Amino acid sequence: MSWVLLIAAICMEVCGTTCLKLSEGLTKWLPSVLIFVFYSLAFILMSFAVRKLDLSLSYAIWSGVGTFLIALIGFFWFREQFTLLKAFSMALVIAGVVGLNLSRSP
């Protein structure tokens, strides 16, 4: 169940970050309000997830997967520039999260 809560927290964080872009500097009211809703839900869900999961692993996965998903949203939805350096950097983020997950004690 903790992993489900962590995945849900990641989704809420990604939604909140996407709303940051959609709010156009907090000038659009609906995305501006949703920023606070999604981030609040993300922190609530994360607080429940870390009750059973290691904080270091949970936060690394949360930030790493969230960063990766936001980068994909930027590339495909907002038509941001995609470069080989960005692709390589995203691969390093994934490698770091996998490494942390593999290094945890049984």
N, C-alpha and C. Protein backbone atom coordinates (compact mmCIF):
# COMPACT_ATOMS: atom_id res chain seq x y z
N MET A 1 0.83 -1.21 0.00
CA MET A 1 0.00 0.00 0.00
C MET A 1 0.86 1.26 0.00
N SER A 2 2.01 1.20 0.66
CA SER A 2 2.88 2.38 0.71
C SER A 2 3.39 2.76 -0.66
N TRP A 3 3.65 1.74 -1.49
CA TRP A 3 4.11 2.03 -2.85
C TRP A 3 3.00 2.70 -3.67
N VAL A 4 1.77 2.30 -3.46
CA VAL A 4 0.63 2.93 -4.15
C VAL A 4 0.52 4.39 -3.72
N LEU A 5 0.71 4.64 -2.43
CA LEU A 5 0.66 6.01 -1.92
C LEU A 5 1.80 6.85 -2.51
N LEU A 6 2.98 6.25 -2.63
CA LEU A 6 4.11 6.96 -3.23
C LEU A 6 3.84 7.29 -4.70
N ILE A 7 3.30 6.34 -5.44
CA ILE A 7 2.97 6.59 -6.85
C ILE A 7 1.92 7.69 -6.96
N ALA A 8 0.92 7.65 -6.09
CA ALA A 8 -0.12 8.68 -6.09
C ALA A 8 0.48 10.05 -5.75
N ALA A 9 1.42 10.08 -4.80
CA ALA A 9 2.08 11.34 -4.43
C ALA A 9 2.87 11.90 -5.62
N ILE A 10 3.54 11.01 -6.35
CA ILE A 10 4.29 11.44 -7.54
C ILE A 10 3.33 12.03 -8.57
N CYS A 11 2.21 11.36 -8.80
CA CYS A 11 1.23 11.87 -9.78
C CYS A 11 0.70 13.24 -9.38
N MET A 12 0.41 13.42 -8.09
CA MET A 12 -0.08 14.72 -7.63
C MET A 12 0.97 15.81 -7.78
N GLU A 13 2.23 15.47 -7.50
CA GLU A 13 3.33 16.44 -7.65
C GLU A 13 3.51 16.84 -9.11
N VAL A 14 3.40 15.86 -10.01
CA VAL A 14 3.52 16.14 -11.45
C VAL A 14 2.36 17.01 -11.91
N CYS A 15 1.17 16.73 -11.43
CA CYS A 15 0.01 17.57 -11.78
C CYS A 15 0.19 19.00 -11.26
N GLY A 16 0.68 19.13 -10.03
CA GLY A 16 0.92 20.45 -9.47
C GLY A 16 1.96 21.23 -10.24
N THR A 17 3.04 20.56 -10.62
CA THR A 17 4.10 21.22 -11.38
C THR A 17 3.62 21.61 -12.77
N THR A 18 2.81 20.77 -13.38
CA THR A 18 2.23 21.11 -14.69
C THR A 18 1.33 22.33 -14.57
N CYS A 19 0.58 22.40 -13.48
CA CYS A 19 -0.29 23.57 -13.26
C CYS A 19 0.52 24.84 -13.06
N LEU A 20 1.76 24.72 -12.54
CA LEU A 20 2.63 25.90 -12.45
C LEU A 20 2.82 26.53 -13.82
N LYS A 21 3.07 25.70 -14.82
CA LYS A 21 3.25 26.20 -16.18
C LYS A 21 1.93 26.73 -16.73
N LEU A 22 0.86 26.00 -16.50
CA LEU A 22 -0.45 26.40 -17.03
C LEU A 22 -1.00 27.68 -16.40
N SER A 23 -0.54 27.99 -15.19
CA SER A 23 -1.06 29.17 -14.49
C SER A 23 -0.51 30.47 -15.07
N GLU A 24 0.53 30.36 -15.89
CA GLU A 24 1.16 31.53 -16.51
C GLU A 24 1.48 32.60 -15.47
N GLY A 25 2.30 32.19 -14.50
CA GLY A 25 2.72 33.14 -13.45
C GLY A 25 1.60 33.50 -12.49
N LEU A 26 0.75 32.52 -12.18
CA LEU A 26 -0.40 32.69 -11.28
C LEU A 26 -1.41 33.71 -11.80
N THR A 27 -1.48 33.89 -13.10
CA THR A 27 -2.45 34.83 -13.67
C THR A 27 -3.76 34.14 -14.09
N LYS A 28 -3.76 32.81 -14.17
CA LYS A 28 -4.99 32.07 -14.48
C LYS A 28 -5.45 31.39 -13.19
N TRP A 29 -6.68 31.67 -12.80
CA TRP A 29 -7.13 31.28 -11.47
C TRP A 29 -7.25 29.78 -11.27
N LEU A 30 -7.79 29.03 -12.23
CA LEU A 30 -7.99 27.60 -12.01
C LEU A 30 -6.68 26.84 -11.86
N PRO A 31 -5.73 26.97 -12.80
CA PRO A 31 -4.46 26.28 -12.56
C PRO A 31 -3.74 26.78 -11.31
N SER A 32 -3.91 28.04 -10.98
CA SER A 32 -3.27 28.59 -9.77
C SER A 32 -3.81 27.92 -8.51
N VAL A 33 -5.10 27.73 -8.44
CA VAL A 33 -5.71 27.05 -7.29
C VAL A 33 -5.30 25.58 -7.28
N LEU A 34 -5.27 24.96 -8.47
CA LEU A 34 -4.92 23.54 -8.54
C LEU A 34 -3.48 23.26 -8.12
N ILE A 35 -2.60 24.23 -8.29
CA ILE A 35 -1.22 24.06 -7.80
C ILE A 35 -1.24 23.69 -6.32
N PHE A 36 -1.98 24.46 -5.54
CA PHE A 36 -2.03 24.24 -4.09
C PHE A 36 -2.77 22.96 -3.73
N VAL A 37 -3.80 22.63 -4.49
CA VAL A 37 -4.55 21.39 -4.24
C VAL A 37 -3.65 20.18 -4.49
N PHE A 38 -3.01 20.16 -5.67
CA PHE A 38 -2.18 19.01 -6.02
C PHE A 38 -0.96 18.87 -5.13
N TYR A 39 -0.29 19.97 -4.82
CA TYR A 39 0.88 19.89 -3.93
C TYR A 39 0.47 19.47 -2.52
N SER A 40 -0.66 19.95 -2.04
CA SER A 40 -1.13 19.53 -0.72
C SER A 40 -1.39 18.02 -0.69
N LEU A 41 -2.07 17.54 -1.71
CA LEU A 41 -2.32 16.10 -1.80
C LEU A 41 -1.02 15.31 -1.90
N ALA A 42 -0.06 15.84 -2.68
CA ALA A 42 1.23 15.16 -2.83
C ALA A 42 1.93 15.01 -1.49
N PHE A 43 1.96 16.09 -0.70
CA PHE A 43 2.64 16.02 0.59
C PHE A 43 1.90 15.13 1.58
N ILE A 44 0.59 15.16 1.54
CA ILE A 44 -0.19 14.28 2.43
C ILE A 44 0.07 12.82 2.09
N LEU A 45 -0.02 12.50 0.80
CA LEU A 45 0.22 11.12 0.38
C LEU A 45 1.65 10.66 0.68
N MET A 46 2.60 11.56 0.45
CA MET A 46 4.00 11.23 0.73
C MET A 46 4.21 10.98 2.23
N SER A 47 3.55 11.76 3.06
CA SER A 47 3.72 11.57 4.51
C SER A 47 3.21 10.19 4.95
N PHE A 48 2.15 9.69 4.30
CA PHE A 48 1.67 8.35 4.62
C PHE A 48 2.59 7.28 4.04
N ALA A 49 3.15 7.53 2.86
CA ALA A 49 4.04 6.55 2.24
C ALA A 49 5.31 6.34 3.05
N VAL A 50 5.86 7.40 3.61
CA VAL A 50 7.13 7.26 4.35
C VAL A 50 6.94 6.66 5.74
N ARG A 51 5.72 6.39 6.12
CA ARG A 51 5.51 5.68 7.38
C ARG A 51 6.08 4.27 7.30
N LYS A 52 6.04 3.67 6.11
CA LYS A 52 6.51 2.28 5.93
C LYS A 52 7.76 2.21 5.05
N LEU A 53 7.98 3.18 4.18
CA LEU A 53 9.12 3.16 3.27
C LEU A 53 10.25 4.02 3.82
N ASP A 54 11.48 3.67 3.47
CA ASP A 54 12.62 4.50 3.86
C ASP A 54 12.48 5.88 3.25
N LEU A 55 12.77 6.89 4.04
CA LEU A 55 12.66 8.27 3.56
C LEU A 55 13.62 8.54 2.41
N SER A 56 14.86 8.08 2.53
CA SER A 56 15.85 8.35 1.49
C SER A 56 15.43 7.74 0.16
N LEU A 57 14.94 6.53 0.19
CA LEU A 57 14.49 5.88 -1.04
C LEU A 57 13.23 6.54 -1.58
N SER A 58 12.27 6.81 -0.70
CA SER A 58 11.00 7.41 -1.13
C SER A 58 11.21 8.77 -1.78
N TYR A 59 12.03 9.59 -1.14
CA TYR A 59 12.25 10.93 -1.68
C TYR A 59 13.02 10.89 -2.99
N ALA A 60 13.99 9.98 -3.09
CA ALA A 60 14.75 9.85 -4.33
C ALA A 60 13.83 9.41 -5.47
N ILE A 61 12.97 8.46 -5.21
CA ILE A 61 12.03 8.01 -6.24
C ILE A 61 11.05 9.11 -6.58
N TRP A 62 10.52 9.78 -5.55
CA TRP A 62 9.55 10.85 -5.77
C TRP A 62 10.14 11.96 -6.64
N SER A 63 11.32 12.42 -6.26
CA SER A 63 11.91 13.53 -7.02
C SER A 63 12.43 13.06 -8.38
N GLY A 64 13.02 11.88 -8.45
CA GLY A 64 13.57 11.40 -9.71
C GLY A 64 12.50 11.09 -10.74
N VAL A 65 11.49 10.33 -10.35
CA VAL A 65 10.41 9.99 -11.27
C VAL A 65 9.61 11.24 -11.62
N GLY A 66 9.38 12.10 -10.64
CA GLY A 66 8.67 13.36 -10.91
C GLY A 66 9.42 14.22 -11.90
N THR A 67 10.73 14.35 -11.73
CA THR A 67 11.54 15.13 -12.66
C THR A 67 11.50 14.54 -14.05
N PHE A 68 11.60 13.22 -14.14
CA PHE A 68 11.55 12.55 -15.44
C PHE A 68 10.20 12.78 -16.13
N LEU A 69 9.11 12.62 -15.39
CA LEU A 69 7.79 12.80 -15.98
C LEU A 69 7.54 14.25 -16.40
N ILE A 70 7.99 15.20 -15.58
CA ILE A 70 7.84 16.61 -15.94
C ILE A 70 8.64 16.94 -17.19
N ALA A 71 9.82 16.36 -17.32
CA ALA A 71 10.62 16.57 -18.53
C ALA A 71 9.88 16.04 -19.75
N LEU A 72 9.29 14.86 -19.64
CA LEU A 72 8.52 14.32 -20.76
C LEU A 72 7.32 15.20 -21.11
N ILE A 73 6.63 15.68 -20.10
CA ILE A 73 5.49 16.58 -20.33
C ILE A 73 5.97 17.85 -21.02
N GLY A 74 7.10 18.37 -20.57
CA GLY A 74 7.66 19.57 -21.21
C GLY A 74 7.98 19.33 -22.67
N PHE A 75 8.57 18.18 -22.97
CA PHE A 75 8.94 17.89 -24.35
C PHE A 75 7.72 17.69 -25.25
N PHE A 76 6.78 16.88 -24.77
CA PHE A 76 5.67 16.49 -25.64
C PHE A 76 4.46 17.43 -25.59
N TRP A 77 4.15 17.99 -24.43
CA TRP A 77 2.96 18.83 -24.33
C TRP A 77 3.29 20.30 -24.57
N PHE A 78 4.38 20.76 -23.98
CA PHE A 78 4.73 22.17 -24.10
C PHE A 78 5.75 22.45 -25.20
N ARG A 79 6.12 21.40 -25.94
CA ARG A 79 7.03 21.51 -27.09
C ARG A 79 8.37 22.15 -26.72
N GLU A 80 8.90 21.80 -25.53
CA GLU A 80 10.21 22.29 -25.14
C GLU A 80 11.29 21.55 -25.93
N GLN A 81 12.44 22.17 -26.06
CA GLN A 81 13.51 21.60 -26.86
C GLN A 81 14.05 20.32 -26.23
N PHE A 82 14.23 19.30 -27.05
CA PHE A 82 14.79 18.03 -26.61
C PHE A 82 16.20 17.90 -27.20
N THR A 83 17.19 17.69 -26.34
CA THR A 83 18.57 17.55 -26.79
C THR A 83 19.15 16.24 -26.27
N LEU A 84 20.27 15.85 -26.85
CA LEU A 84 20.94 14.64 -26.38
C LEU A 84 21.42 14.79 -24.94
N LEU A 85 21.86 15.98 -24.58
CA LEU A 85 22.30 16.21 -23.20
C LEU A 85 21.13 16.04 -22.23
N LYS A 86 19.95 16.53 -22.60
CA LYS A 86 18.78 16.34 -21.74
C LYS A 86 18.41 14.86 -21.64
N ALA A 87 18.48 14.13 -22.74
CA ALA A 87 18.17 12.70 -22.73
C ALA A 87 19.17 11.95 -21.86
N PHE A 88 20.45 12.28 -21.98
CA PHE A 88 21.49 11.64 -21.16
C PHE A 88 21.28 11.96 -19.69
N SER A 89 20.94 13.19 -19.39
CA SER A 89 20.70 13.59 -18.00
C SER A 89 19.50 12.87 -17.41
N MET A 90 18.45 12.69 -18.21
CA MET A 90 17.28 11.96 -17.74
C MET A 90 17.64 10.49 -17.47
N ALA A 91 18.51 9.92 -18.30
CA ALA A 91 18.96 8.55 -18.08
C ALA A 91 19.75 8.45 -16.77
N LEU A 92 20.53 9.47 -16.46
CA LEU A 92 21.27 9.47 -15.19
C LEU A 92 20.32 9.52 -14.00
N VAL A 93 19.24 10.29 -14.12
CA VAL A 93 18.25 10.35 -13.03
C VAL A 93 17.66 8.96 -12.81
N ILE A 94 17.29 8.30 -13.89
CA ILE A 94 16.71 6.96 -13.78
C ILE A 94 17.73 5.99 -13.18
N ALA A 95 18.98 6.06 -13.64
CA ALA A 95 20.03 5.19 -13.11
C ALA A 95 20.23 5.42 -11.62
N GLY A 96 20.17 6.66 -11.19
CA GLY A 96 20.32 6.97 -9.77
C GLY A 96 19.20 6.38 -8.93
N VAL A 97 17.98 6.50 -9.40
CA VAL A 97 16.84 5.95 -8.67
C VAL A 97 16.93 4.42 -8.62
N VAL A 98 17.28 3.80 -9.74
CA VAL A 98 17.43 2.35 -9.77
C VAL A 98 18.56 1.92 -8.82
N GLY A 99 19.66 2.64 -8.85
CA GLY A 99 20.78 2.34 -7.96
C GLY A 99 20.40 2.42 -6.49
N LEU A 100 19.67 3.44 -6.12
CA LEU A 100 19.21 3.55 -4.73
C LEU A 100 18.28 2.41 -4.36
N ASN A 101 17.42 2.03 -5.27
CA ASN A 101 16.50 0.96 -5.00
C ASN A 101 17.23 -0.37 -4.85
N LEU A 102 18.25 -0.60 -5.66
CA LEU A 102 19.01 -1.84 -5.58
C LEU A 102 19.91 -1.89 -4.35
N SER A 103 20.30 -0.74 -3.84
CA SER A 103 21.24 -0.71 -2.72
C SER A 103 20.57 -0.81 -1.35
N ARG A 104 19.28 -0.82 -1.30
CA ARG A 104 18.62 -0.88 0.01
C ARG A 104 18.82 -2.25 0.64
N SER A 105 18.86 -2.27 1.93
CA SER A 105 19.10 -3.52 2.65
C SER A 105 17.85 -4.38 2.62
N PRO A 106 18.04 -5.72 2.60
CA PRO A 106 16.89 -6.63 2.51
C PRO A 106 16.04 -6.63 3.76
